[in-house]
N, C-alpha and C. Protein backbone atom coordinates (compact mmCIF):
# COMPACT_ATOMS: atom_id res chain seq x y z
N MET A 1 56.34 40.61 48.17
CA MET A 1 57.43 39.70 48.29
C MET A 1 57.39 39.12 49.75
N LYS A 2 57.47 37.73 49.78
CA LYS A 2 57.45 37.12 51.07
C LYS A 2 58.85 36.76 51.53
N LYS A 3 59.17 36.98 52.79
CA LYS A 3 60.45 36.60 53.32
C LYS A 3 60.29 35.37 54.22
N PRO A 4 60.75 34.27 53.91
CA PRO A 4 60.69 33.07 54.72
C PRO A 4 61.58 33.20 55.86
N ILE A 5 61.06 32.84 57.16
CA ILE A 5 61.81 32.91 58.34
C ILE A 5 61.53 31.54 59.08
N THR A 6 62.57 30.88 59.47
CA THR A 6 62.39 29.67 60.27
C THR A 6 62.93 29.82 61.68
N LEU A 7 62.02 29.53 62.62
CA LEU A 7 62.37 29.60 64.10
C LEU A 7 62.28 28.19 64.65
N THR A 8 63.30 27.94 65.47
CA THR A 8 63.34 26.66 66.24
C THR A 8 62.77 27.06 67.61
N ILE A 9 61.60 26.46 67.87
CA ILE A 9 61.00 26.66 69.19
C ILE A 9 60.90 25.25 69.84
N GLY A 10 61.58 25.29 70.93
CA GLY A 10 61.89 24.00 71.60
C GLY A 10 62.65 23.09 70.69
N THR A 11 62.06 22.04 70.26
CA THR A 11 62.84 21.07 69.31
C THR A 11 62.25 21.05 67.92
N THR A 12 61.25 21.94 67.65
CA THR A 12 60.49 21.98 66.45
C THR A 12 60.78 23.25 65.65
N GLU A 13 61.09 23.04 64.33
CA GLU A 13 61.25 24.22 63.38
C GLU A 13 59.88 24.64 62.97
N PHE A 14 59.62 25.93 63.04
CA PHE A 14 58.42 26.45 62.50
C PHE A 14 58.74 27.45 61.40
N ASN A 15 58.07 27.38 60.30
CA ASN A 15 58.30 28.26 59.17
C ASN A 15 57.28 29.27 59.06
N PHE A 16 57.70 30.54 58.84
CA PHE A 16 56.83 31.71 58.72
C PHE A 16 57.13 32.32 57.35
N ASN A 17 56.10 32.94 56.82
CA ASN A 17 56.24 33.73 55.57
C ASN A 17 55.74 35.12 55.74
N MET A 18 56.74 36.05 55.89
CA MET A 18 56.44 37.41 56.24
C MET A 18 56.47 38.32 55.01
N THR A 19 55.57 39.25 55.11
CA THR A 19 55.43 40.29 54.05
C THR A 19 55.64 41.65 54.78
N ALA A 20 55.90 42.66 53.99
CA ALA A 20 55.93 44.00 54.53
C ALA A 20 54.57 44.46 55.00
N ASN A 21 53.48 44.01 54.44
CA ASN A 21 52.22 44.28 54.86
C ASN A 21 51.88 43.63 56.20
N ASP A 22 52.32 42.35 56.46
CA ASP A 22 52.10 41.77 57.77
C ASP A 22 52.81 42.59 58.92
N HIS A 23 54.02 42.92 58.58
CA HIS A 23 54.85 43.71 59.55
C HIS A 23 54.22 45.06 59.80
N SER A 24 53.85 45.74 58.72
CA SER A 24 53.13 47.12 58.93
C SER A 24 51.84 46.98 59.68
N ASP A 25 51.13 46.03 59.42
CA ASP A 25 49.74 45.89 60.19
C ASP A 25 50.05 45.67 61.59
N TYR A 26 51.03 44.74 61.98
CA TYR A 26 51.41 44.56 63.36
C TYR A 26 51.79 45.81 64.04
N ILE A 27 52.70 46.60 63.40
CA ILE A 27 53.14 47.79 64.05
C ILE A 27 52.01 48.88 64.15
N ASP A 28 51.22 48.94 63.20
CA ASP A 28 50.12 49.90 63.19
C ASP A 28 49.10 49.66 64.26
N ILE A 29 48.78 48.27 64.53
CA ILE A 29 47.85 48.00 65.56
C ILE A 29 48.45 48.43 66.92
N ILE A 30 49.69 48.09 67.13
CA ILE A 30 50.27 48.34 68.45
C ILE A 30 50.42 49.84 68.63
N GLY A 31 50.74 50.59 67.55
CA GLY A 31 50.96 52.04 67.60
C GLY A 31 49.63 52.79 67.85
N ARG A 32 48.54 52.16 67.51
CA ARG A 32 47.25 52.77 67.80
C ARG A 32 46.68 52.38 69.21
N GLY A 33 47.43 51.64 69.95
CA GLY A 33 47.16 51.37 71.33
C GLY A 33 46.43 50.05 71.37
N GLY A 34 46.49 49.26 70.38
CA GLY A 34 45.85 47.93 70.40
C GLY A 34 46.53 46.97 71.41
N SER A 35 45.86 45.91 71.66
CA SER A 35 46.45 44.89 72.62
C SER A 35 47.73 44.25 72.01
N LEU A 36 48.75 44.32 72.68
CA LEU A 36 49.97 43.71 72.28
C LEU A 36 49.81 42.18 72.11
N THR A 37 49.14 41.58 73.02
CA THR A 37 48.96 40.09 72.91
C THR A 37 48.06 39.67 71.75
N SER A 38 46.94 40.49 71.50
CA SER A 38 46.09 40.17 70.47
C SER A 38 46.74 40.39 69.10
N ALA A 39 47.46 41.51 68.98
CA ALA A 39 48.22 41.88 67.73
C ALA A 39 49.30 40.88 67.43
N SER A 40 50.05 40.34 68.48
CA SER A 40 51.04 39.39 68.28
C SER A 40 50.47 38.11 67.86
N ASN A 41 49.27 37.68 68.49
CA ASN A 41 48.73 36.47 68.14
C ASN A 41 48.24 36.46 66.67
N ASN A 42 47.63 37.55 66.25
CA ASN A 42 47.14 37.65 64.83
C ASN A 42 48.35 37.55 63.91
N PHE A 43 49.41 38.28 64.26
CA PHE A 43 50.68 38.33 63.41
C PHE A 43 51.24 36.98 63.22
N VAL A 44 51.41 36.24 64.31
CA VAL A 44 52.07 34.92 64.10
C VAL A 44 51.16 33.88 63.50
N ILE A 45 49.90 33.93 63.70
CA ILE A 45 48.89 33.04 63.11
C ILE A 45 48.87 33.29 61.65
N ARG A 46 48.79 34.63 61.31
CA ARG A 46 48.61 35.00 59.90
C ARG A 46 49.90 34.59 59.07
N THR A 47 51.11 34.55 59.68
CA THR A 47 52.31 34.27 58.96
C THR A 47 52.88 32.86 59.00
N ILE A 48 52.36 32.00 59.96
CA ILE A 48 52.91 30.71 60.05
C ILE A 48 52.54 29.84 58.76
N ASP A 49 53.40 29.04 58.36
CA ASP A 49 53.20 28.16 57.25
C ASP A 49 51.89 27.36 57.47
N LYS A 50 51.01 27.34 56.48
CA LYS A 50 49.67 26.80 56.60
C LYS A 50 49.72 25.31 57.03
N GLU A 51 50.76 24.56 56.61
CA GLU A 51 50.81 23.19 56.99
C GLU A 51 51.13 22.99 58.45
N GLN A 52 51.67 23.92 59.13
CA GLN A 52 52.02 23.81 60.50
C GLN A 52 51.05 24.58 61.49
N LYS A 53 50.00 25.19 60.86
CA LYS A 53 49.09 26.04 61.70
C LYS A 53 48.58 25.29 62.91
N GLU A 54 47.98 24.13 62.73
CA GLU A 54 47.43 23.46 63.83
C GLU A 54 48.36 23.01 64.95
N GLU A 55 49.53 22.60 64.52
CA GLU A 55 50.62 22.24 65.54
C GLU A 55 51.05 23.46 66.21
N PHE A 56 51.12 24.58 65.52
CA PHE A 56 51.61 25.85 66.13
C PHE A 56 50.47 26.39 67.11
N LYS A 57 49.22 26.32 66.78
CA LYS A 57 48.17 26.72 67.71
C LYS A 57 48.22 26.00 69.00
N LYS A 58 48.53 24.66 68.92
CA LYS A 58 48.77 23.85 70.15
C LYS A 58 49.83 24.39 71.00
N LEU A 59 50.99 24.71 70.39
CA LEU A 59 52.09 25.34 71.16
C LEU A 59 51.63 26.60 71.86
N LEU A 60 50.89 27.51 71.10
CA LEU A 60 50.52 28.72 71.73
C LEU A 60 49.55 28.47 72.90
N ALA A 61 48.58 27.45 72.78
CA ALA A 61 47.71 27.09 73.80
C ALA A 61 48.37 26.64 75.08
N GLU A 62 49.51 25.95 74.87
CA GLU A 62 50.20 25.37 75.97
C GLU A 62 51.21 26.30 76.58
N SER A 63 51.50 27.41 75.91
CA SER A 63 52.57 28.35 76.32
C SER A 63 52.06 29.77 76.39
N PRO A 64 51.37 30.17 77.44
CA PRO A 64 50.83 31.56 77.52
C PRO A 64 51.94 32.55 77.42
N GLY A 65 51.68 33.57 76.57
CA GLY A 65 52.64 34.67 76.29
C GLY A 65 53.58 34.32 75.12
N ALA A 66 53.61 33.14 74.70
CA ALA A 66 54.56 32.76 73.63
C ALA A 66 54.44 33.63 72.35
N GLU A 67 53.20 33.98 72.05
CA GLU A 67 52.93 34.81 70.86
C GLU A 67 53.70 36.09 70.86
N VAL A 68 53.86 36.67 72.03
CA VAL A 68 54.52 37.95 72.07
C VAL A 68 56.04 37.79 71.85
N GLN A 69 56.60 36.73 72.46
CA GLN A 69 58.01 36.44 72.22
C GLN A 69 58.32 36.10 70.77
N ILE A 70 57.38 35.23 70.20
CA ILE A 70 57.60 34.90 68.81
C ILE A 70 57.44 36.01 67.87
N ALA A 71 56.48 36.85 68.03
CA ALA A 71 56.26 38.03 67.19
C ALA A 71 57.50 39.00 67.31
N GLY A 72 58.04 39.19 68.48
CA GLY A 72 59.19 40.06 68.62
C GLY A 72 60.44 39.52 67.91
N THR A 73 60.57 38.23 67.96
CA THR A 73 61.67 37.55 67.25
C THR A 73 61.47 37.73 65.73
N LEU A 74 60.31 37.46 65.20
CA LEU A 74 59.97 37.64 63.79
C LEU A 74 60.15 39.07 63.33
N LYS A 75 59.60 40.02 64.16
CA LYS A 75 59.80 41.41 63.80
C LYS A 75 61.30 41.84 63.77
N GLY A 76 62.08 41.34 64.65
CA GLY A 76 63.50 41.63 64.69
C GLY A 76 64.25 41.05 63.56
N GLU A 77 63.86 39.90 63.09
CA GLU A 77 64.55 39.26 61.97
C GLU A 77 63.99 39.89 60.59
N PHE A 78 62.77 40.32 60.50
CA PHE A 78 62.31 40.88 59.34
C PHE A 78 62.75 42.34 59.06
N ALA A 79 62.79 43.12 60.11
CA ALA A 79 63.18 44.46 60.07
C ALA A 79 64.23 44.77 61.06
N PRO A 80 65.42 44.37 60.82
CA PRO A 80 66.51 44.57 61.89
C PRO A 80 66.74 45.93 62.20
N ILE A 81 67.30 46.19 63.42
CA ILE A 81 67.61 47.57 63.86
C ILE A 81 68.77 48.07 63.07
N LEU A 82 68.69 49.20 62.56
CA LEU A 82 69.67 49.91 61.69
C LEU A 82 70.49 50.84 62.62
N ASP A 83 71.79 51.02 62.33
CA ASP A 83 72.65 51.91 62.99
C ASP A 83 72.51 53.26 62.22
N ILE A 84 71.73 54.22 62.81
CA ILE A 84 71.47 55.47 62.11
C ILE A 84 72.06 56.61 62.93
N ALA A 85 72.73 57.53 62.22
CA ALA A 85 73.32 58.70 63.01
C ALA A 85 73.04 59.85 62.21
N VAL A 86 72.79 61.03 62.87
CA VAL A 86 72.63 62.30 62.23
C VAL A 86 73.94 62.99 62.19
N LYS A 87 74.39 63.39 61.05
CA LYS A 87 75.60 64.13 60.82
C LYS A 87 75.31 65.60 61.19
N LYS A 88 76.12 66.15 62.03
CA LYS A 88 75.94 67.64 62.38
C LYS A 88 77.06 68.44 61.85
């Protein structure tokens, strides 16, 4: 199942299609000590709408570090933080 997520970056709306597998791969790479920048880049490029891929790549090329910010926003929207407590 894909979850569509639209982010407005600057004045442009970018559409992403996230799956649980995309999210898991991203978390697994980082958890194994992989490069945060590389994992974030792969994550956002893999999930951006195909019709927007070239425009999105230009944005990333012009904005160093943007992939990490975008990946963090996508991750937070896809898997929000839950309020969990242990009952004692």
